[in-house]
Amino acid sequence: MIGRRTFLAAASLLLTRPGLALAGVARSMRLVTSHLPPLVHETGRPGGLQELVGELCRRAGVKPATHFVPWRRALFLATTMKATAIYPLTRLPEREQQYRWLVPLYEENYLLLAVRGKLLPVEEMKDKRIALLRGAAQGTILKELGFTRFVEAASIDEVHRFLLGGMADAAFGERRIIEASLGSRDPSEGQFETSAPLRSTTAWLAGSLDFDDSDIALFERTWDSMRTDGTQRRILTKHKLA
């Protein structure tokens, strides 16, 4: 017969080690995201946030399948399907009640991108046509900043086509994503310039509303351990995101 002390020690171990006592939704969860280099790569070497989330799930003892879909589709899936987590999701007031917020992954910095010579002072850009990813948080941020004319694109490549084709005067996006997209393009297509960051926000790993408090506690404990032992900073630094 197991002694009382042995039983209590085992129970304590289950409560303190992520992954040994999985919450209900976490054990069957799926991940949805989009191709957003350098944060997330659909093929090849994992992006920075992809590696972070992968390590987080590994330590938490969950093995979710990851589905790469257009960002607007990812938002739809995370708000209509059970046991679905999404990243990197900007936390905004209007989204607060639509998701369970699991862990904050990364500080985002949003700025303007335009063909060289067409980037004006910010106040003069507010009546220009601004390209952004369909369904992304940029629209809300732009409205708060006083911008009024938006051109939605299905992908980052389409954003560039809008700029080069004259269908948009500038684009608005996350600094690291913009830097990566510019670095991957043929220089002969044209030169671009960027503004200083206009807004900083936080990108989260968020879950559908059926994630409960025990699920959140599981990921928070695991995330705290990654921060404490330096894993979080090591991964961000490795991908030049720190």
Protein backbone atom coordinates (compact mmCIF):
# COMPACT_ATOMS: atom_id res chain seq x y z
CA MET A 1 0.00 0.00 0.00
CA ILE A 2 1.28 3.45 -0.88
CA GLY A 3 2.04 5.52 2.20
CA ARG A 4 0.45 8.92 2.75
CA ARG A 5 3.76 10.75 2.33
CA THR A 6 4.49 8.94 -0.93
CA PHE A 7 1.02 9.75 -2.23
CA LEU A 8 1.33 13.44 -1.35
CA ALA A 9 4.79 13.65 -2.92
CA ALA A 10 3.47 12.14 -6.14
CA ALA A 11 0.52 14.53 -6.18
CA SER A 12 2.83 17.47 -5.64
CA LEU A 13 5.01 16.33 -8.55
CA LEU A 14 1.99 16.17 -10.85
CA LEU A 15 0.98 19.69 -9.92
CA THR A 16 4.39 21.26 -10.35
CA ARG A 17 5.74 19.55 -13.46
CA PRO A 18 4.09 20.77 -16.68
CA GLY A 19 2.86 18.02 -18.94
CA LEU A 20 2.41 15.36 -16.24
CA ALA A 21 -1.11 16.46 -15.33
CA LEU A 22 -2.53 17.79 -18.59
CA ALA A 23 -5.59 19.98 -18.60
CA GLY A 24 -8.57 18.76 -20.62
CA VAL A 25 -8.37 20.97 -23.71
CA ALA A 26 -4.58 21.17 -23.89
CA ARG A 27 -4.14 17.43 -24.45
CA SER A 28 -6.17 17.54 -27.68
CA MET A 29 -5.36 21.03 -28.93
CA ARG A 30 -4.35 22.07 -32.45
CA LEU A 31 -2.37 25.14 -33.53
CA VAL A 32 -3.27 27.51 -36.37
CA THR A 33 -0.94 30.14 -37.79
CA SER A 34 0.29 31.66 -41.06
CA HIS A 35 3.56 31.96 -42.97
CA LEU A 36 5.02 35.11 -41.36
CA PRO A 37 8.82 35.06 -41.69
CA PRO A 38 10.92 35.42 -39.61
CA LEU A 39 8.39 34.69 -36.85
CA VAL A 40 6.76 31.63 -38.45
CA HIS A 41 7.93 29.58 -41.46
CA GLU A 42 5.59 27.17 -43.20
CA THR A 43 8.52 25.21 -44.63
CA GLY A 44 12.18 24.79 -43.76
CA ARG A 45 13.80 25.99 -40.56
CA PRO A 46 11.28 27.08 -37.88
CA GLY A 47 10.79 30.79 -37.28
CA GLY A 48 11.56 32.39 -33.93
CA LEU A 49 8.06 32.29 -32.45
CA GLN A 50 7.52 28.88 -34.00
CA GLU A 51 10.51 27.55 -32.07
CA LEU A 52 9.30 29.25 -28.90
CA VAL A 53 5.82 27.74 -29.16
CA GLY A 54 7.27 24.36 -30.08
CA GLU A 55 9.46 24.33 -26.96
CA LEU A 56 6.57 25.57 -24.83
CA CYS A 57 4.34 22.72 -26.02
CA ARG A 58 7.11 20.15 -25.62
CA ARG A 59 7.70 21.14 -22.00
CA ALA A 60 3.97 21.25 -21.32
CA GLY A 61 3.67 17.70 -22.63
CA VAL A 62 1.36 18.46 -25.56
CA LYS A 63 1.88 17.57 -29.23
CA PRO A 64 -0.49 19.72 -31.26
CA ALA A 65 -0.67 19.50 -35.05
CA THR A 66 0.02 22.86 -36.71
CA HIS A 67 -2.15 24.08 -39.59
CA PHE A 68 -0.86 26.86 -41.86
CA VAL A 69 -3.71 28.89 -43.35
CA PRO A 70 -4.28 32.51 -44.46
CA TRP A 71 -4.40 34.73 -41.39
CA ARG A 72 -8.10 35.57 -41.70
CA ARG A 73 -8.85 31.84 -41.83
CA ALA A 74 -6.69 31.26 -38.75
CA LEU A 75 -8.73 33.85 -36.83
CA PHE A 76 -11.96 32.19 -37.93
CA LEU A 77 -10.82 28.72 -36.88
CA ALA A 78 -9.63 29.89 -33.45
CA THR A 79 -13.02 31.48 -32.71
CA THR A 80 -15.25 28.71 -34.10
CA MET A 81 -13.43 25.42 -33.41
CA LYS A 82 -12.80 23.87 -30.02
CA ALA A 83 -9.31 23.13 -28.67
CA THR A 84 -7.68 25.52 -31.14
CA ALA A 85 -4.78 27.84 -30.31
CA ILE A 86 -3.47 30.62 -32.53
CA TYR A 87 -0.25 32.65 -32.70
CA PRO A 88 1.13 35.29 -33.05
CA LEU A 89 -2.09 37.11 -32.09
CA THR A 90 -2.05 40.80 -31.17
CA ARG A 91 -4.00 41.42 -27.99
CA LEU A 92 -6.55 44.20 -28.54
CA PRO A 93 -9.56 45.33 -26.45
CA GLU A 94 -12.09 44.11 -29.04
CA ARG A 95 -10.48 40.65 -28.99
CA GLU A 96 -10.35 40.35 -25.21
CA GLN A 97 -13.53 38.25 -24.87
CA GLN A 98 -12.98 36.21 -28.03
CA TYR A 99 -9.98 34.18 -26.81
CA ARG A 100 -8.31 32.75 -23.73
CA TRP A 101 -4.91 34.41 -23.49
CA LEU A 102 -2.27 31.76 -22.76
CA VAL A 103 1.18 33.43 -22.83
CA PRO A 104 2.70 36.67 -24.24
CA LEU A 105 5.32 35.73 -26.83
CA TYR A 106 6.84 38.83 -28.36
CA GLU A 107 6.78 42.63 -28.46
CA GLU A 108 5.66 43.81 -31.90
CA ASN A 109 6.60 47.14 -33.47
CA TYR A 110 4.41 48.40 -36.31
CA LEU A 111 5.64 50.83 -38.96
CA LEU A 112 4.94 52.13 -42.47
CA LEU A 113 6.64 50.85 -45.61
CA ALA A 114 6.64 52.69 -48.95
CA VAL A 115 8.51 52.81 -52.23
CA ARG A 116 11.53 55.06 -51.76
CA GLY A 117 10.62 58.70 -52.22
CA LYS A 118 6.91 58.19 -51.47
CA LEU A 119 7.07 57.98 -47.68
CA LEU A 120 5.82 61.28 -46.27
CA PRO A 121 5.63 62.49 -42.65
CA VAL A 122 3.07 60.41 -40.76
CA GLU A 123 0.41 63.15 -40.62
CA GLU A 124 0.58 63.48 -44.41
CA MET A 125 0.19 59.72 -44.88
CA LYS A 126 -3.11 59.50 -43.02
CA ASP A 127 -5.25 60.11 -46.12
CA LYS A 128 -3.18 57.74 -48.29
CA ARG A 129 -4.07 54.17 -49.30
CA ILE A 130 -2.46 51.79 -46.79
CA ALA A 131 -2.02 48.09 -47.57
CA LEU A 132 -2.32 45.52 -44.76
CA LEU A 133 -2.92 41.81 -44.31
CA ARG A 134 -6.58 40.83 -44.43
CA GLY A 135 -7.97 40.16 -40.95
CA ALA A 136 -4.86 41.39 -39.13
CA ALA A 137 -4.78 43.78 -36.18
CA GLN A 138 -3.22 46.52 -38.28
CA GLY A 139 -6.61 47.85 -39.33
CA THR A 140 -7.63 48.61 -35.76
CA ILE A 141 -4.28 50.17 -34.98
CA LEU A 142 -4.37 52.33 -38.12
CA LYS A 143 -7.87 53.59 -37.28
CA GLU A 144 -6.71 54.53 -33.79
CA LEU A 145 -3.82 56.44 -35.37
CA GLY A 146 -6.18 58.37 -37.67
CA PHE A 147 -5.73 56.49 -40.98
CA THR A 148 -8.89 55.97 -43.03
CA ARG A 149 -8.12 54.27 -46.38
CA PHE A 150 -7.15 50.60 -46.38
CA VAL A 151 -6.29 48.05 -49.07
CA GLU A 152 -6.46 44.48 -47.79
CA ALA A 153 -4.03 41.87 -49.12
CA ALA A 154 -4.09 38.09 -48.80
CA SER A 155 -0.32 37.75 -48.30
CA ILE A 156 2.88 39.70 -47.77
CA ASP A 157 3.81 39.13 -51.42
CA GLU A 158 0.52 40.70 -52.44
CA VAL A 159 1.28 43.72 -50.23
CA HIS A 160 4.48 44.25 -52.20
CA ARG A 161 2.63 43.90 -55.50
CA PHE A 162 0.15 46.55 -54.38
CA LEU A 163 2.99 48.94 -53.55
CA LEU A 164 4.94 48.32 -56.74
CA GLY A 165 1.80 48.41 -58.89
CA GLY A 166 0.58 51.69 -57.44
CA MET A 167 -2.55 50.18 -55.87
CA ALA A 168 -1.40 51.32 -52.41
CA ASP A 169 0.70 54.27 -51.28
CA ALA A 170 2.23 52.51 -48.28
CA ALA A 171 1.93 49.36 -46.22
CA PHE A 172 1.64 48.92 -42.46
CA GLY A 173 3.17 45.94 -40.73
CA GLU A 174 5.36 44.46 -38.02
CA ARG A 175 8.98 45.58 -38.25
CA ARG A 176 10.67 42.15 -38.26
CA ILE A 177 8.21 40.77 -40.81
CA ILE A 178 8.78 43.77 -43.08
CA GLU A 179 12.57 43.51 -42.73
CA ALA A 180 12.47 39.81 -43.62
CA SER A 181 10.18 40.37 -46.59
CA LEU A 182 12.42 43.10 -47.98
CA GLY A 183 15.51 40.96 -47.54
CA SER A 184 13.97 38.15 -49.57
CA ARG A 185 13.03 40.28 -52.58
CA ASP A 186 14.95 40.98 -55.78
CA PRO A 187 16.59 44.44 -55.44
CA SER A 188 15.70 45.16 -59.06
CA GLU A 189 12.02 45.28 -58.12
CA GLY A 190 12.51 48.61 -56.41
CA GLN A 191 13.83 50.21 -53.24
CA PHE A 192 11.69 50.76 -50.15
CA GLU A 193 11.94 52.85 -47.01
CA THR A 194 10.30 52.56 -43.62
CA SER A 195 9.10 54.92 -40.92
CA ALA A 196 9.97 54.79 -37.25
CA PRO A 197 7.67 52.44 -35.28
CA LEU A 198 4.22 53.98 -34.80
CA ARG A 199 2.83 51.49 -32.27
CA SER A 200 4.12 48.69 -30.05
CA THR A 201 1.88 45.80 -29.02
CA THR A 202 2.28 42.25 -27.70
CA ALA A 203 1.80 39.08 -29.73
CA TRP A 204 0.29 36.18 -27.78
CA LEU A 205 -0.39 32.50 -27.99
CA ALA A 206 -4.17 32.49 -27.49
CA GLY A 207 -6.75 29.72 -27.32
CA SER A 208 -10.37 29.16 -28.15
CA LEU A 209 -12.83 29.90 -25.36
CA ASP A 210 -13.01 26.28 -24.18
CA PHE A 211 -9.46 26.50 -22.77
CA ASP A 212 -10.07 26.71 -19.02
CA ASP A 213 -8.10 28.10 -16.09
CA SER A 214 -6.16 24.86 -15.66
CA ASP A 215 -5.03 25.05 -19.30
CA ILE A 216 -3.88 28.63 -18.81
CA ALA A 217 -2.07 27.70 -15.60
CA LEU A 218 -0.27 24.86 -17.39
CA PHE A 219 1.08 27.17 -20.10
CA GLU A 220 1.89 29.96 -17.66
CA ARG A 221 3.94 27.61 -15.44
CA THR A 222 5.78 26.28 -18.45
CA TRP A 223 6.40 29.77 -19.83
CA ASP A 224 7.74 30.94 -16.46
CA SER A 225 10.22 28.05 -16.45
CA MET A 226 11.40 28.99 -19.95
CA ARG A 227 11.97 32.58 -18.85
CA THR A 228 13.67 31.59 -15.62
CA ASP A 229 16.20 29.25 -17.23
CA GLY A 230 16.89 31.66 -20.12
CA THR A 231 15.35 29.55 -22.89
CA GLN A 232 12.98 32.29 -24.01
CA ARG A 233 15.74 34.88 -24.44
CA ARG A 234 18.09 32.36 -26.04
CA ILE A 235 15.56 31.49 -28.74
CA LEU A 236 14.64 35.14 -29.39
CA THR A 237 18.31 36.11 -29.55
CA LYS A 238 19.10 33.20 -31.88
CA HIS A 239 16.49 34.52 -34.32
CA LYS A 240 17.49 38.17 -33.78
CA LEU A 241 14.13 38.98 -32.19
CA ALA A 242 15.40 40.07 -28.77
